[in-house]
Amino acid sequence: MSTTTQTNPSEFLDEFILVEDELIRKGEEGVSVNPRMEQLRAAVVLTREAVRAVSITALELATESAHFMGVVGHKGELLNPFEHLDGAVWEETEVPEEMIQAAYDYCQELTRREAGNFYHSFKYLPVDKLRAICAYYAFCRRADDIADGDYRDVFPGGLGVKDPEAIAYRRELEVLAASKPVIERTEFEDKLAQLFFFRKKLSTAYTSQLSSTDPIFMALKDTIQKYNIPRELLDDMISGMEDDLFTNRYRSFEELYSYCYRVASTVGLVCIEIYDYESPVARDFAESWGVFMQLTNILRDVAEDAERGRIYLPLDDLERFGISEEDIFSGRKMLEHPGWIPFVKEYCKRVAAYRDKAFKLLPLLPKNSRYSPAAMSAFYSSILRKIEKNDGDVFTSVVKLSKAEKLTLAAGVYLRHRFFSF
């Protein structure tokens, strides 16, 4: 086994960063982003020399025991079936099928436990698509848990925040972002290092030479190969998580749109590759689908985000209605502000436009894939209507659907999109 290579930060940057000044737009209506930052992020790869590798003996042992690897413990806890392995990668070109299926089992169980409404919509997909969606959901869930929660991602053989490459990456990213972290410094460095190695794990899904021993990325690699999913979409998701470490305000809607594209539209774009589609216009509708759901989330979670010092609502739009940052932080007092209801009405009208465009996606999908996006869209549409009906009261309590409402919506969607043609 080899140990982590000590890399000079400047050498890392000089080797991988190709300076191009052509602007890069994220999303149909988003702002152009820093091309050097995109190049820095896209250059993150994992090599044999950079990690401790699993020995052939360990691989053979894992293969022999793959049939007995469970993902649920005696106390009902979720178990990593490969936790006993102390290396970050397989040095084999192929992973035994038993291990791939164990990895999928892990992702499906994680999704069942943590996805809530999403898993309900997934379970009517054909088995191969269900497994693939769960692998992708697990990837998104863990990225979000790192950036916005207290989950600690393990990278066997890595040096964490002390890793020279992670340090070089962080320093260059800070320079390019031209912004200070919006969270405490130690936490920022820890989370960014985890996301850096998370991105390295992703790189193994796009090479035939290495495979991650993380069950999420093992299953994800199989999904990516089956459905030909572009790496840029998954890289952008991680970039959105990194952006949350640098940004807690958005001046314009266009800036917010680019963020929504990274963390939500990319989800829609990956999902339709798994669902299958024929017309390329489906990609435009999938982008709108993600924006619709993310904008709904943002309005629903205004109070929760404010408690964490975050305001995702565009400041320019708020100011047009005489609403300041201090007003948003005032909590329930916001409901007395004369500009709040007019702002919410305008905001909801904008969201509804993306919702209507998103619904145009459904006829472009195979009938056996429609229920999943239709159910999610129906749930979010109902939440948006509730917020409008309550005059924008997202401060008194969290706006959510009751179990009866979910069942009623789900039944209607199931009948329409599984058994009837458009």
Protein backbone atom coordinates (compact mmCIF):
# COMPACT_ATOMS: atom_id res chain seq x y z
CA MET A 1 0.00 0.00 0.00
CA SER A 2 1.16 3.52 -0.74
CA THR A 3 0.58 6.55 1.44
CA THR A 4 -0.81 9.94 0.48
CA THR A 5 1.59 11.82 -1.77
CA GLN A 6 2.83 15.16 -0.43
CA THR A 7 1.96 17.63 -3.16
CA ASN A 8 3.11 21.22 -3.37
CA PRO A 9 -0.07 23.36 -3.65
CA SER A 10 1.37 25.50 -6.45
CA GLU A 11 2.31 22.39 -8.43
CA PHE A 12 -1.23 21.11 -8.12
CA LEU A 13 -2.65 24.33 -9.51
CA ASP A 14 -0.08 24.75 -12.26
CA GLU A 15 -0.66 21.21 -13.47
CA PHE A 16 -4.42 21.29 -13.69
CA ILE A 17 -5.65 24.86 -14.15
CA LEU A 18 -5.86 25.88 -17.80
CA VAL A 19 -6.70 29.55 -17.82
CA GLU A 20 -9.51 30.40 -20.20
CA ASP A 21 -11.57 33.55 -19.96
CA GLU A 22 -14.64 32.39 -21.83
CA LEU A 23 -17.65 32.95 -19.58
CA ILE A 24 -19.65 29.93 -18.43
CA ARG A 25 -23.38 30.18 -17.78
CA LYS A 26 -25.08 27.88 -15.31
CA GLY A 27 -28.72 27.57 -16.21
CA GLU A 28 -30.82 29.16 -18.93
CA GLU A 29 -31.47 32.33 -16.93
CA GLY A 30 -28.50 32.34 -14.61
CA VAL A 31 -25.49 34.61 -14.46
CA SER A 32 -22.10 33.73 -15.92
CA VAL A 33 -19.75 32.09 -13.43
CA ASN A 34 -15.99 32.32 -12.98
CA PRO A 35 -14.40 30.03 -15.63
CA ARG A 36 -11.24 29.52 -13.57
CA MET A 37 -13.31 28.30 -10.65
CA GLU A 38 -15.10 25.83 -12.90
CA GLN A 39 -11.76 24.59 -14.24
CA LEU A 40 -10.39 24.18 -10.73
CA ARG A 41 -13.39 22.11 -9.70
CA ALA A 42 -13.40 19.97 -12.85
CA ALA A 43 -9.68 19.19 -12.44
CA VAL A 44 -10.15 17.23 -9.20
CA VAL A 45 -9.30 13.58 -9.86
CA LEU A 46 -8.23 10.57 -7.84
CA THR A 47 -5.14 8.57 -8.74
CA ARG A 48 -3.58 5.37 -7.42
CA GLU A 49 -0.61 7.34 -6.16
CA ALA A 50 -2.78 9.67 -4.09
CA VAL A 51 -4.47 7.07 -1.87
CA ARG A 52 -3.96 3.87 -0.01
CA ALA A 53 -5.19 1.05 -2.21
CA VAL A 54 -7.05 -2.06 -1.16
CA SER A 55 -4.88 -5.13 -1.57
CA ILE A 56 -5.91 -8.00 -3.84
CA THR A 57 -6.25 -10.19 -0.75
CA ALA A 58 -8.80 -7.79 0.70
CA LEU A 59 -10.65 -7.70 -2.60
CA GLU A 60 -10.81 -11.49 -2.75
CA LEU A 61 -12.00 -11.61 0.83
CA ALA A 62 -14.69 -9.03 0.14
CA THR A 63 -15.81 -10.98 -2.93
CA GLU A 64 -16.16 -14.16 -0.91
CA SER A 65 -18.22 -12.45 1.77
CA ALA A 66 -20.30 -10.23 -0.54
CA HIS A 67 -23.31 -12.54 -0.35
CA PHE A 68 -23.47 -12.05 3.41
CA MET A 69 -22.99 -8.30 3.54
CA GLY A 70 -26.04 -6.73 5.13
CA VAL A 71 -26.92 -3.05 5.18
CA VAL A 72 -29.14 -3.11 8.29
CA GLY A 73 -27.69 -3.85 11.72
CA HIS A 74 -29.22 -5.76 14.64
CA LYS A 75 -30.55 -2.50 16.08
CA GLY A 76 -31.96 -1.33 12.78
CA GLU A 77 -29.07 0.99 11.95
CA LEU A 78 -27.81 1.54 8.41
CA LEU A 79 -24.51 -0.28 7.85
CA ASN A 80 -21.85 0.29 5.22
CA PRO A 81 -21.27 -3.22 3.79
CA PHE A 82 -17.64 -2.34 3.00
CA GLU A 83 -16.76 -0.57 6.23
CA HIS A 84 -14.14 -3.20 7.07
CA LEU A 85 -12.03 -2.14 4.08
CA ASP A 86 -9.36 0.46 4.88
CA GLY A 87 -8.58 1.67 1.37
CA ALA A 88 -10.23 4.30 -0.79
CA VAL A 89 -10.18 2.46 -4.13
CA TRP A 90 -10.20 -0.89 -5.88
CA GLU A 91 -7.25 -1.30 -8.21
CA GLU A 92 -9.26 -3.72 -10.30
CA THR A 93 -10.91 -2.78 -13.60
CA GLU A 94 -14.10 -4.60 -12.62
CA VAL A 95 -15.93 -4.88 -9.31
CA PRO A 96 -17.70 -8.19 -8.56
CA GLU A 97 -21.43 -8.03 -9.29
CA GLU A 98 -22.23 -9.15 -5.74
CA MET A 99 -20.52 -6.06 -4.37
CA ILE A 100 -22.28 -3.74 -6.81
CA GLN A 101 -25.63 -5.15 -5.72
CA ALA A 102 -24.66 -4.74 -2.05
CA ALA A 103 -23.80 -1.11 -2.84
CA TYR A 104 -27.20 -0.60 -4.45
CA ASP A 105 -28.87 -2.18 -1.41
CA TYR A 106 -27.12 0.37 0.78
CA CYS A 107 -28.26 3.30 -1.38
CA GLN A 108 -31.83 2.05 -1.54
CA GLU A 109 -32.03 1.61 2.22
CA LEU A 110 -30.52 5.07 2.78
CA THR A 111 -33.09 6.56 0.39
CA ARG A 112 -35.97 4.72 2.05
CA ARG A 113 -34.93 6.10 5.45
CA GLU A 114 -34.13 9.67 4.48
CA ALA A 115 -35.98 10.58 1.28
CA GLY A 116 -39.53 10.59 2.65
CA ASN A 117 -41.87 11.73 -0.10
CA PHE A 118 -39.21 11.20 -2.75
CA TYR A 119 -38.85 7.51 -2.02
CA HIS A 120 -42.61 7.04 -2.28
CA SER A 121 -42.46 8.47 -5.79
CA PHE A 122 -39.43 6.36 -6.71
CA LYS A 123 -40.81 2.98 -5.69
CA TYR A 124 -43.12 2.64 -8.71
CA LEU A 125 -40.22 2.90 -11.15
CA PRO A 126 -38.96 -0.27 -12.87
CA VAL A 127 -36.46 -1.98 -10.59
CA ASP A 128 -33.34 -0.99 -12.53
CA LYS A 129 -34.40 2.67 -12.64
CA LEU A 130 -35.39 2.61 -8.97
CA ARG A 131 -31.96 1.32 -7.99
CA ALA A 132 -30.26 3.94 -10.17
CA ILE A 133 -32.34 6.81 -8.77
CA CYS A 134 -31.55 5.66 -5.23
CA ALA A 135 -27.81 5.63 -6.00
CA TYR A 136 -28.05 9.19 -7.31
CA TYR A 137 -30.23 10.32 -4.38
CA ALA A 138 -27.68 8.89 -1.93
CA PHE A 139 -24.95 10.91 -3.67
CA CYS A 140 -27.00 14.13 -3.37
CA ARG A 141 -28.05 13.36 0.19
CA ARG A 142 -24.51 12.88 1.43
CA ALA A 143 -23.22 15.99 -0.34
CA ASP A 144 -25.94 18.01 1.37
CA ASP A 145 -25.29 16.31 4.72
CA ILE A 146 -21.63 17.33 4.52
CA ALA A 147 -22.30 20.94 3.57
CA ASP A 148 -25.40 21.62 5.62
CA GLY A 149 -25.32 19.04 8.40
CA ASP A 150 -22.99 17.26 10.77
CA TYR A 151 -22.29 14.18 8.64
CA ARG A 152 -18.59 13.36 8.35
CA ASP A 153 -17.56 11.67 5.13
CA VAL A 154 -14.70 9.19 5.53
CA PHE A 155 -11.92 9.02 2.95
CA PRO A 156 -9.62 6.08 3.80
CA GLY A 157 -5.98 7.07 3.58
CA GLY A 158 -6.69 10.77 3.21
CA LEU A 159 -5.29 13.47 5.51
CA GLY A 160 -8.48 15.53 5.71
CA VAL A 161 -7.96 19.25 6.24
CA LYS A 162 -4.19 18.68 6.41
CA ASP A 163 -4.01 17.13 2.94
CA PRO A 164 -1.76 19.28 0.68
CA GLU A 165 -4.07 18.99 -2.32
CA ALA A 166 -7.11 19.86 -0.23
CA ILE A 167 -5.29 22.89 1.15
CA ALA A 168 -4.22 24.02 -2.33
CA TYR A 169 -7.75 23.56 -3.61
CA ARG A 170 -9.24 25.54 -0.71
CA ARG A 171 -6.80 28.41 -1.06
CA GLU A 172 -7.32 28.77 -4.80
CA LEU A 173 -11.10 28.50 -4.43
CA GLU A 174 -11.09 31.28 -1.83
CA VAL A 175 -9.08 33.52 -4.14
CA LEU A 176 -11.39 32.88 -7.07
CA ALA A 177 -14.54 33.24 -4.99
CA ALA A 178 -13.29 36.62 -3.73
CA SER A 179 -15.43 36.02 -0.69
CA LYS A 180 -14.92 35.05 2.92
CA PRO A 181 -16.57 31.93 4.38
CA VAL A 182 -20.02 32.50 5.86
CA ILE A 183 -19.46 29.88 8.56
CA GLU A 184 -16.85 29.51 11.29
CA ARG A 185 -13.35 29.05 9.85
CA THR A 186 -12.55 25.62 11.29
CA GLU A 187 -15.91 24.25 10.19
CA PHE A 188 -15.42 25.80 6.74
CA GLU A 189 -12.04 24.16 6.22
CA ASP A 190 -13.34 20.80 7.43
CA LYS A 191 -16.42 20.81 5.21
CA LEU A 192 -14.56 22.03 2.14
CA ALA A 193 -11.93 19.30 2.58
CA GLN A 194 -14.68 16.69 2.82
CA LEU A 195 -16.32 18.02 -0.34
CA PHE A 196 -12.93 18.00 -2.07
CA PHE A 197 -12.49 14.30 -1.35
CA PHE A 198 -16.16 13.72 -2.18
CA ARG A 199 -15.37 15.17 -5.60
CA LYS A 200 -12.37 12.84 -5.83
CA LYS A 201 -14.62 9.87 -5.18
CA LEU A 202 -16.86 11.09 -7.97
CA SER A 203 -13.92 11.08 -10.36
CA THR A 204 -13.58 7.30 -9.88
CA ALA A 205 -17.04 6.88 -11.42
CA TYR A 206 -15.67 8.25 -14.67
CA THR A 207 -12.56 6.09 -15.04
CA SER A 208 -12.18 2.43 -15.88
CA GLN A 209 -9.00 2.15 -13.82
CA LEU A 210 -10.29 2.77 -10.29
CA SER A 211 -13.46 2.24 -8.27
CA SER A 212 -14.33 3.77 -4.93
CA THR A 213 -14.90 1.52 -1.93
CA ASP A 214 -17.67 3.86 -0.83
CA PRO A 215 -20.93 1.98 -1.61
CA ILE A 216 -22.59 5.18 -2.84
CA PHE A 217 -19.94 5.77 -5.47
CA MET A 218 -19.70 2.10 -6.34
CA ALA A 219 -23.42 2.03 -7.18
CA LEU A 220 -23.24 5.48 -8.74
CA LYS A 221 -20.49 4.36 -11.11
CA ASP A 222 -22.65 1.51 -12.35
CA THR A 223 -25.57 3.94 -12.81
CA ILE A 224 -23.42 6.45 -14.68
CA GLN A 225 -22.16 3.77 -17.05
CA LYS A 226 -25.66 2.40 -17.71
CA TYR A 227 -27.31 5.76 -18.33
CA ASN A 228 -24.39 7.78 -19.72
CA ILE A 229 -24.73 10.63 -17.20
CA PRO A 230 -22.39 13.62 -17.82
CA ARG A 231 -19.95 14.32 -15.00
CA GLU A 232 -20.56 18.06 -15.21
CA LEU A 233 -24.06 17.61 -13.76
CA LEU A 234 -22.73 15.85 -10.66
CA ASP A 235 -19.77 18.21 -10.30
CA ASP A 236 -22.21 21.12 -10.38
CA MET A 237 -24.18 19.61 -7.51
CA ILE A 238 -21.03 19.52 -5.35
CA SER A 239 -20.21 23.08 -6.48
CA GLY A 240 -23.62 24.18 -5.20
CA MET A 241 -22.79 22.70 -1.81
CA GLU A 242 -19.45 24.57 -1.85
CA ASP A 243 -21.24 27.80 -2.77
CA ASP A 244 -23.26 27.51 0.43
CA LEU A 245 -20.02 27.78 2.39
CA PHE A 246 -19.21 31.11 0.69
CA THR A 247 -22.61 32.65 0.12
CA ASN A 248 -25.63 33.35 2.32
CA ARG A 249 -27.15 36.19 0.25
CA TYR A 250 -28.17 36.58 -3.40
CA ARG A 251 -28.45 40.09 -4.79
CA SER A 252 -30.39 39.31 -7.97
CA PHE A 253 -32.75 36.61 -9.13
CA GLU A 254 -30.26 35.68 -11.85
CA GLU A 255 -27.65 34.90 -9.18
CA LEU A 256 -30.18 32.80 -7.30
CA TYR A 257 -31.16 31.01 -10.50
CA SER A 258 -27.56 29.85 -11.04
CA TYR A 259 -27.55 28.43 -7.51
CA CYS A 260 -30.91 26.71 -8.11
CA TYR A 261 -29.53 25.25 -11.31
CA ARG A 262 -26.57 23.69 -9.48
CA VAL A 263 -28.44 22.19 -6.56
CA ALA A 264 -31.80 21.36 -8.18
CA SER A 265 -31.89 21.62 -11.98
CA THR A 266 -28.95 19.24 -12.21
CA VAL A 267 -31.07 16.76 -10.24
CA GLY A 268 -33.84 16.99 -12.81
CA LEU A 269 -31.35 16.66 -15.65
CA VAL A 270 -29.78 13.53 -14.14
CA CYS A 271 -33.17 12.03 -13.34
CA ILE A 272 -34.44 12.27 -16.91
CA GLU A 273 -31.35 10.43 -18.13
CA ILE A 274 -32.47 7.59 -15.89
CA TYR A 275 -36.19 7.98 -16.65
CA ASP A 276 -35.42 8.12 -20.40
CA TYR A 277 -36.73 10.65 -22.92
CA GLU A 278 -36.66 11.22 -26.64
CA SER A 279 -37.06 14.94 -27.37
CA PRO A 280 -34.10 17.17 -26.39
CA VAL A 281 -36.59 19.84 -25.24
CA ALA A 282 -37.09 17.61 -22.19
CA ARG A 283 -33.83 19.01 -20.84
CA ASP A 284 -35.25 22.54 -20.78
CA PHE A 285 -38.32 21.33 -18.92
CA ALA A 286 -36.17 19.34 -16.48
CA GLU A 287 -34.17 22.49 -15.72
CA SER A 288 -37.41 24.35 -14.95
CA TRP A 289 -38.60 21.42 -12.82
CA GLY A 290 -35.59 21.79 -10.55
CA VAL A 291 -35.93 25.58 -10.33
CA PHE A 292 -39.63 25.26 -9.48
CA MET A 293 -39.00 22.90 -6.58
CA GLN A 294 -35.99 24.79 -5.24
CA LEU A 295 -37.75 28.16 -5.33
CA THR A 296 -40.66 26.57 -3.46
CA ASN A 297 -38.24 25.19 -0.87
CA ILE A 298 -36.64 28.61 -0.45
CA LEU A 299 -39.96 30.32 0.28
CA ARG A 300 -41.14 27.55 2.58
CA ASP A 301 -37.87 27.62 4.56
CA VAL A 302 -37.43 31.40 4.93
CA ALA A 303 -37.73 31.29 8.72
CA GLU A 304 -35.44 28.27 9.13
CA ASP A 305 -32.79 29.79 6.88
CA ALA A 306 -33.02 33.13 8.71
CA GLU A 307 -32.24 31.35 11.98
CA ARG A 308 -28.97 30.25 10.37
CA GLY A 309 -28.22 33.75 9.12
CA ARG A 310 -29.18 32.94 5.52
CA ILE A 311 -31.48 34.78 3.12
CA TYR A 312 -31.99 33.08 -0.22
CA LEU A 313 -34.74 35.42 -1.43
CA PRO A 314 -33.24 37.92 -3.92
CA LEU A 315 -32.36 41.12 -2.07
CA ASP A 316 -33.19 43.31 -5.08
CA ASP A 317 -36.71 41.93 -5.19
CA LEU A 318 -37.20 42.32 -1.44
CA GLU A 319 -36.02 45.92 -1.54
CA ARG A 320 -38.55 46.78 -4.26
CA PHE A 321 -41.22 46.00 -1.69
CA GLY A 322 -39.46 47.88 1.10
CA ILE A 323 -38.28 44.70 2.85
CA SER A 324 -34.86 44.74 4.53
CA GLU A 325 -32.68 41.92 5.81
CA GLU A 326 -33.60 42.97 9.35
CA ASP A 327 -37.28 42.51 8.46
CA ILE A 328 -36.66 38.92 7.35
CA PHE A 329 -34.81 38.22 10.59
CA SER A 330 -37.75 39.58 12.63
CA GLY A 331 -39.65 36.32 12.21
CA ARG A 332 -43.41 36.53 12.72
CA LYS A 333 -43.29 40.33 12.69
CA MET A 334 -42.62 39.97 8.97
CA LEU A 335 -46.31 39.08 8.52
CA GLU A 336 -47.21 42.65 9.56
CA HIS A 337 -44.97 44.21 6.92
CA PRO A 338 -47.09 45.85 4.17
CA GLY A 339 -44.72 44.63 1.47
CA TRP A 340 -44.62 40.96 2.41
CA ILE A 341 -47.89 39.73 0.88
CA PRO A 342 -47.33 41.62 -2.41
CA PHE A 343 -43.80 40.20 -2.55
CA VAL A 344 -45.05 36.67 -1.94
CA LYS A 345 -47.70 37.00 -4.63
CA GLU A 346 -45.12 38.12 -7.18
CA TYR A 347 -42.68 35.43 -6.09
CA CYS A 348 -45.33 32.70 -6.32
CA LYS A 349 -46.34 33.90 -9.77
CA ARG A 350 -42.74 33.49 -10.90
CA VAL A 351 -42.52 30.02 -9.34
CA ALA A 352 -45.80 29.03 -11.00
CA ALA A 353 -44.32 29.86 -14.41
CA TYR A 354 -41.52 27.36 -13.82
CA ARG A 355 -44.03 24.85 -12.46
CA ASP A 356 -46.16 25.08 -15.60
CA LYS A 357 -43.08 24.57 -17.76
CA ALA A 358 -42.00 21.63 -15.59
CA PHE A 359 -45.32 19.85 -16.12
CA LYS A 360 -44.61 19.87 -19.86
CA LEU A 361 -41.85 17.37 -19.13
CA LEU A 362 -44.23 14.55 -18.20
CA PRO A 363 -45.59 13.64 -21.66
CA LEU A 364 -42.01 13.36 -22.92
CA LEU A 365 -41.19 10.54 -20.49
CA PRO A 366 -42.08 6.84 -20.78
CA LYS A 367 -45.32 6.07 -18.98
CA ASN A 368 -43.56 3.83 -16.45
CA SER A 369 -41.34 6.78 -15.42
CA ARG A 370 -43.93 9.56 -15.23
CA TYR A 371 -45.33 8.89 -11.78
CA SER A 372 -42.10 9.78 -9.97
CA PRO A 373 -41.69 13.37 -11.29
CA ALA A 374 -45.47 13.87 -11.41
CA ALA A 375 -45.87 13.00 -7.73
CA MET A 376 -42.99 15.24 -6.64
CA SER A 377 -44.36 18.11 -8.72
CA ALA A 378 -47.84 17.61 -7.29
CA PHE A 379 -46.53 17.71 -3.71
CA TYR A 380 -44.59 20.91 -4.32
CA SER A 381 -47.50 22.51 -6.19
CA SER A 382 -49.71 21.85 -3.19
CA ILE A 383 -47.16 23.39 -0.82
CA LEU A 384 -46.94 26.49 -3.02
CA ARG A 385 -50.75 26.84 -3.04
CA LYS A 386 -50.81 26.52 0.74
CA ILE A 387 -48.31 29.32 1.13
CA GLU A 388 -50.34 31.56 -1.17
CA LYS A 389 -53.58 30.69 0.62
CA ASN A 390 -51.97 31.53 3.98
CA ASP A 391 -50.83 34.94 2.70
CA GLY A 392 -47.19 33.97 2.85
CA ASP A 393 -47.21 32.78 6.46
CA VAL A 394 -44.07 30.67 6.52
CA PHE A 395 -43.12 31.97 9.96
CA THR A 396 -45.80 30.60 12.30
CA SER A 397 -45.12 26.98 11.39
CA VAL A 398 -43.51 24.92 8.65
CA VAL A 399 -45.82 24.59 5.65
CA LYS A 400 -46.20 20.90 4.87
CA LEU A 401 -48.73 18.35 3.70
CA SER A 402 -50.64 16.08 6.04
CA LYS A 403 -50.50 12.34 5.52
CA ALA A 404 -54.07 12.39 4.19
CA GLU A 405 -53.19 15.13 1.71
CA LYS A 406 -50.19 13.20 0.49
CA LEU A 407 -52.19 10.00 0.03
CA THR A 408 -54.95 11.82 -1.86
CA LEU A 409 -52.47 13.55 -4.14
CA ALA A 410 -50.46 10.38 -4.68
CA ALA A 411 -53.55 8.34 -5.57
CA GLY A 412 -54.72 10.91 -8.12
CA VAL A 413 -51.30 11.19 -9.69
CA TYR A 414 -50.87 7.43 -9.80
CA LEU A 415 -54.14 6.86 -11.62
CA ARG A 416 -53.51 9.59 -14.16
CA HIS A 417 -49.87 8.97 -14.97
CA ARG A 418 -49.76 5.18 -14.75
CA PHE A 419 -52.97 4.21 -16.49
CA PHE A 420 -54.18 7.07 -18.65
CA SER A 421 -52.63 8.77 -21.65
CA PHE A 422 -52.23 12.52 -21.96
